[in-house]
Amino acid sequence: MNKNLISLDKLPVGCLGKVKKLIANGITRRRMLDLGLIDDTTVESLRKSPAGDPIAYEIRGAVIALRSEEASKILVESIQQ
């Protein structure tokens, strides 16, 4: 596995990442794919809720909130801006 991959929930607010792998199965995997989280999709971490969970992400022009439990199953490569 590439050492540069981090889980989406670890991507700092304001940073971009490129989806490289989904480690979810079943319905959760299907939902992520339906949201557009496929290989090489760019995701931006926008903001955390006051409690820290969920986190808002911009994915293909839409803002989507994911819980850390879900976001931890998405591996991304951080993109330098």
N, C-alpha and C. Protein backbone atom coordinates (compact mmCIF):
# COMPACT_ATOMS: atom_id res chain seq x y z
N MET A 1 0.84 -1.18 0.00
CA MET A 1 0.00 0.00 0.00
C MET A 1 0.88 1.25 0.00
N ASN A 2 0.44 2.26 -0.69
CA ASN A 2 1.18 3.52 -0.79
C ASN A 2 1.24 4.21 0.57
N LYS A 3 2.44 4.63 0.98
CA LYS A 3 2.62 5.28 2.28
C LYS A 3 2.01 6.67 2.33
N ASN A 4 1.72 7.26 1.17
CA ASN A 4 1.16 8.61 1.12
C ASN A 4 -0.35 8.64 1.30
N LEU A 5 -0.99 7.48 1.44
CA LEU A 5 -2.43 7.44 1.59
C LEU A 5 -2.82 7.66 3.05
N ILE A 6 -3.87 8.47 3.23
CA ILE A 6 -4.44 8.69 4.56
C ILE A 6 -5.94 8.50 4.46
N SER A 7 -6.58 8.24 5.58
CA SER A 7 -8.03 8.13 5.55
C SER A 7 -8.63 9.53 5.45
N LEU A 8 -9.77 9.64 4.82
CA LEU A 8 -10.40 10.93 4.56
C LEU A 8 -10.66 11.71 5.84
N ASP A 9 -10.97 11.03 6.93
CA ASP A 9 -11.24 11.74 8.19
C ASP A 9 -10.00 12.41 8.75
N LYS A 10 -8.80 12.04 8.28
CA LYS A 10 -7.53 12.64 8.73
C LYS A 10 -7.09 13.80 7.84
N LEU A 11 -7.81 14.04 6.74
CA LEU A 11 -7.46 15.13 5.83
C LEU A 11 -7.79 16.46 6.51
N PRO A 12 -6.79 17.34 6.67
CA PRO A 12 -7.03 18.61 7.37
C PRO A 12 -8.06 19.49 6.64
N VAL A 13 -8.80 20.27 7.40
CA VAL A 13 -9.78 21.19 6.84
C VAL A 13 -9.06 22.16 5.90
N GLY A 14 -9.65 22.37 4.73
CA GLY A 14 -9.07 23.27 3.74
C GLY A 14 -8.15 22.58 2.75
N CYS A 15 -7.90 21.29 2.94
CA CYS A 15 -6.99 20.55 2.06
C CYS A 15 -7.78 19.70 1.07
N LEU A 16 -7.10 19.36 -0.02
CA LEU A 16 -7.68 18.51 -1.06
C LEU A 16 -7.06 17.12 -1.01
N GLY A 17 -7.86 16.14 -1.38
CA GLY A 17 -7.37 14.78 -1.49
C GLY A 17 -7.97 14.12 -2.71
N LYS A 18 -7.27 13.12 -3.22
CA LYS A 18 -7.74 12.36 -4.38
C LYS A 18 -8.05 10.95 -3.91
N VAL A 19 -9.28 10.50 -4.14
CA VAL A 19 -9.70 9.17 -3.71
C VAL A 19 -8.86 8.11 -4.43
N LYS A 20 -8.30 7.19 -3.64
CA LYS A 20 -7.49 6.11 -4.20
C LYS A 20 -8.05 4.73 -3.89
N LYS A 21 -8.78 4.58 -2.78
CA LYS A 21 -9.27 3.25 -2.42
C LYS A 21 -10.42 3.35 -1.43
N LEU A 22 -11.41 2.48 -1.59
CA LEU A 22 -12.50 2.33 -0.62
C LEU A 22 -12.30 0.99 0.07
N ILE A 23 -12.34 1.01 1.41
CA ILE A 23 -12.18 -0.26 2.12
C ILE A 23 -13.48 -0.69 2.79
N ALA A 24 -14.57 -0.09 2.35
CA ALA A 24 -15.90 -0.44 2.86
C ALA A 24 -16.49 -1.55 2.00
N ASN A 25 -17.47 -2.24 2.55
CA ASN A 25 -18.16 -3.32 1.85
C ASN A 25 -19.66 -3.11 1.90
N GLY A 26 -20.36 -3.85 1.07
CA GLY A 26 -21.81 -3.90 1.11
C GLY A 26 -22.49 -2.58 0.81
N ILE A 27 -23.53 -2.28 1.60
CA ILE A 27 -24.35 -1.09 1.39
C ILE A 27 -23.53 0.20 1.57
N THR A 28 -22.62 0.19 2.53
CA THR A 28 -21.79 1.38 2.76
C THR A 28 -20.95 1.67 1.53
N ARG A 29 -20.35 0.67 0.95
CA ARG A 29 -19.54 0.85 -0.27
C ARG A 29 -20.41 1.37 -1.41
N ARG A 30 -21.59 0.80 -1.57
CA ARG A 30 -22.50 1.23 -2.63
C ARG A 30 -22.88 2.70 -2.46
N ARG A 31 -23.15 3.12 -1.21
CA ARG A 31 -23.51 4.51 -0.94
C ARG A 31 -22.36 5.44 -1.30
N MET A 32 -21.14 5.07 -0.93
CA MET A 32 -19.97 5.90 -1.25
C MET A 32 -19.79 6.04 -2.76
N LEU A 33 -19.96 4.95 -3.48
CA LEU A 33 -19.85 4.99 -4.94
C LEU A 33 -20.95 5.87 -5.52
N ASP A 34 -22.16 5.77 -4.99
CA ASP A 34 -23.28 6.59 -5.46
C ASP A 34 -23.04 8.08 -5.20
N LEU A 35 -22.28 8.40 -4.15
CA LEU A 35 -21.95 9.79 -3.84
C LEU A 35 -20.85 10.33 -4.77
N GLY A 36 -20.28 9.46 -5.58
CA GLY A 36 -19.24 9.88 -6.51
C GLY A 36 -17.83 9.64 -6.02
N LEU A 37 -17.68 8.88 -4.97
CA LEU A 37 -16.35 8.61 -4.41
C LEU A 37 -15.69 7.44 -5.15
N ILE A 38 -15.29 7.72 -6.38
CA ILE A 38 -14.61 6.71 -7.19
C ILE A 38 -13.15 7.14 -7.36
N ASP A 39 -12.33 6.25 -7.91
CA ASP A 39 -10.89 6.53 -8.07
C ASP A 39 -10.64 7.87 -8.73
N ASP A 40 -9.68 8.60 -8.18
CA ASP A 40 -9.21 9.90 -8.68
C ASP A 40 -10.20 11.04 -8.56
N THR A 41 -11.27 10.86 -7.80
CA THR A 41 -12.19 11.97 -7.52
C THR A 41 -11.53 12.89 -6.51
N THR A 42 -11.58 14.20 -6.76
CA THR A 42 -11.01 15.18 -5.84
C THR A 42 -12.04 15.51 -4.77
N VAL A 43 -11.59 15.50 -3.52
CA VAL A 43 -12.44 15.80 -2.37
C VAL A 43 -11.76 16.90 -1.57
N GLU A 44 -12.56 17.89 -1.14
CA GLU A 44 -12.03 18.95 -0.29
C GLU A 44 -12.69 18.88 1.07
N SER A 45 -11.89 18.90 2.11
CA SER A 45 -12.40 18.94 3.48
C SER A 45 -12.77 20.40 3.78
N LEU A 46 -14.05 20.66 4.02
CA LEU A 46 -14.51 22.04 4.19
C LEU A 46 -14.54 22.51 5.64
N ARG A 47 -15.24 21.75 6.49
CA ARG A 47 -15.34 22.17 7.90
C ARG A 47 -15.83 21.03 8.77
N LYS A 48 -15.47 21.12 10.04
CA LYS A 48 -15.93 20.15 11.03
C LYS A 48 -17.10 20.75 11.80
N SER A 49 -17.99 19.90 12.27
CA SER A 49 -19.07 20.38 13.13
C SER A 49 -18.45 20.78 14.47
N PRO A 50 -19.17 21.55 15.28
CA PRO A 50 -18.62 21.98 16.56
C PRO A 50 -18.14 20.82 17.45
N ALA A 51 -18.79 19.68 17.33
CA ALA A 51 -18.39 18.51 18.12
C ALA A 51 -17.26 17.73 17.43
N GLY A 52 -16.92 18.10 16.18
CA GLY A 52 -15.86 17.42 15.46
C GLY A 52 -16.31 16.30 14.55
N ASP A 53 -17.57 15.92 14.64
CA ASP A 53 -18.09 14.83 13.83
C ASP A 53 -19.56 15.08 13.57
N PRO A 54 -20.06 15.17 12.37
CA PRO A 54 -19.45 14.83 11.09
C PRO A 54 -18.58 15.97 10.53
N ILE A 55 -17.98 15.68 9.38
CA ILE A 55 -17.15 16.65 8.66
C ILE A 55 -17.78 16.87 7.30
N ALA A 56 -17.80 18.14 6.85
CA ALA A 56 -18.37 18.48 5.54
C ALA A 56 -17.26 18.41 4.49
N TYR A 57 -17.58 17.77 3.37
CA TYR A 57 -16.65 17.62 2.25
C TYR A 57 -17.33 18.10 0.97
N GLU A 58 -16.54 18.66 0.06
CA GLU A 58 -17.06 18.97 -1.27
C GLU A 58 -16.61 17.85 -2.20
N ILE A 59 -17.60 17.20 -2.80
CA ILE A 59 -17.35 16.08 -3.70
C ILE A 59 -18.11 16.34 -4.99
N ARG A 60 -17.39 16.53 -6.07
CA ARG A 60 -18.01 16.76 -7.39
C ARG A 60 -19.03 17.89 -7.37
N GLY A 61 -18.72 18.97 -6.66
CA GLY A 61 -19.58 20.15 -6.63
C GLY A 61 -20.68 20.13 -5.58
N ALA A 62 -20.83 19.04 -4.88
CA ALA A 62 -21.85 18.94 -3.83
C ALA A 62 -21.18 18.89 -2.46
N VAL A 63 -21.82 19.48 -1.46
CA VAL A 63 -21.30 19.42 -0.09
C VAL A 63 -22.01 18.28 0.63
N ILE A 64 -21.21 17.37 1.16
CA ILE A 64 -21.74 16.17 1.81
C ILE A 64 -21.07 16.01 3.17
N ALA A 65 -21.87 15.71 4.18
CA ALA A 65 -21.33 15.46 5.53
C ALA A 65 -21.18 13.96 5.73
N LEU A 66 -19.99 13.57 6.18
CA LEU A 66 -19.73 12.16 6.48
C LEU A 66 -19.26 12.03 7.91
N ARG A 67 -19.73 11.01 8.59
CA ARG A 67 -19.22 10.72 9.93
C ARG A 67 -17.81 10.17 9.81
N SER A 68 -17.05 10.33 10.87
CA SER A 68 -15.66 9.83 10.88
C SER A 68 -15.62 8.33 10.60
N GLU A 69 -16.59 7.61 11.10
CA GLU A 69 -16.66 6.16 10.89
C GLU A 69 -16.71 5.82 9.40
N GLU A 70 -17.48 6.61 8.63
CA GLU A 70 -17.58 6.39 7.19
C GLU A 70 -16.33 6.90 6.47
N ALA A 71 -15.89 8.11 6.83
CA ALA A 71 -14.75 8.74 6.17
C ALA A 71 -13.46 7.94 6.38
N SER A 72 -13.37 7.22 7.48
CA SER A 72 -12.15 6.44 7.75
C SER A 72 -12.00 5.27 6.78
N LYS A 73 -13.04 4.93 6.05
CA LYS A 73 -13.00 3.82 5.09
C LYS A 73 -12.68 4.28 3.68
N ILE A 74 -12.35 5.57 3.54
CA ILE A 74 -12.00 6.14 2.24
C ILE A 74 -10.54 6.58 2.32
N LEU A 75 -9.69 6.00 1.51
CA LEU A 75 -8.27 6.35 1.50
C LEU A 75 -8.01 7.35 0.38
N VAL A 76 -7.34 8.44 0.74
CA VAL A 76 -7.06 9.50 -0.22
C VAL A 76 -5.56 9.81 -0.23
N GLU A 77 -5.13 10.39 -1.32
CA GLU A 77 -3.78 10.91 -1.46
C GLU A 77 -3.89 12.42 -1.34
N SER A 78 -3.19 13.02 -0.40
CA SER A 78 -3.24 14.46 -0.18
C SER A 78 -2.65 15.18 -1.39
N ILE A 79 -3.32 16.26 -1.82
CA ILE A 79 -2.88 17.05 -2.96
C ILE A 79 -2.35 18.38 -2.44
N GLN A 80 -1.15 18.74 -2.84
CA GLN A 80 -0.57 20.03 -2.44
C GLN A 80 -1.22 21.13 -3.27
N GLN A 81 -1.62 22.21 -2.59
CA GLN A 81 -2.26 23.32 -3.28
C GLN A 81 -1.26 24.39 -3.61
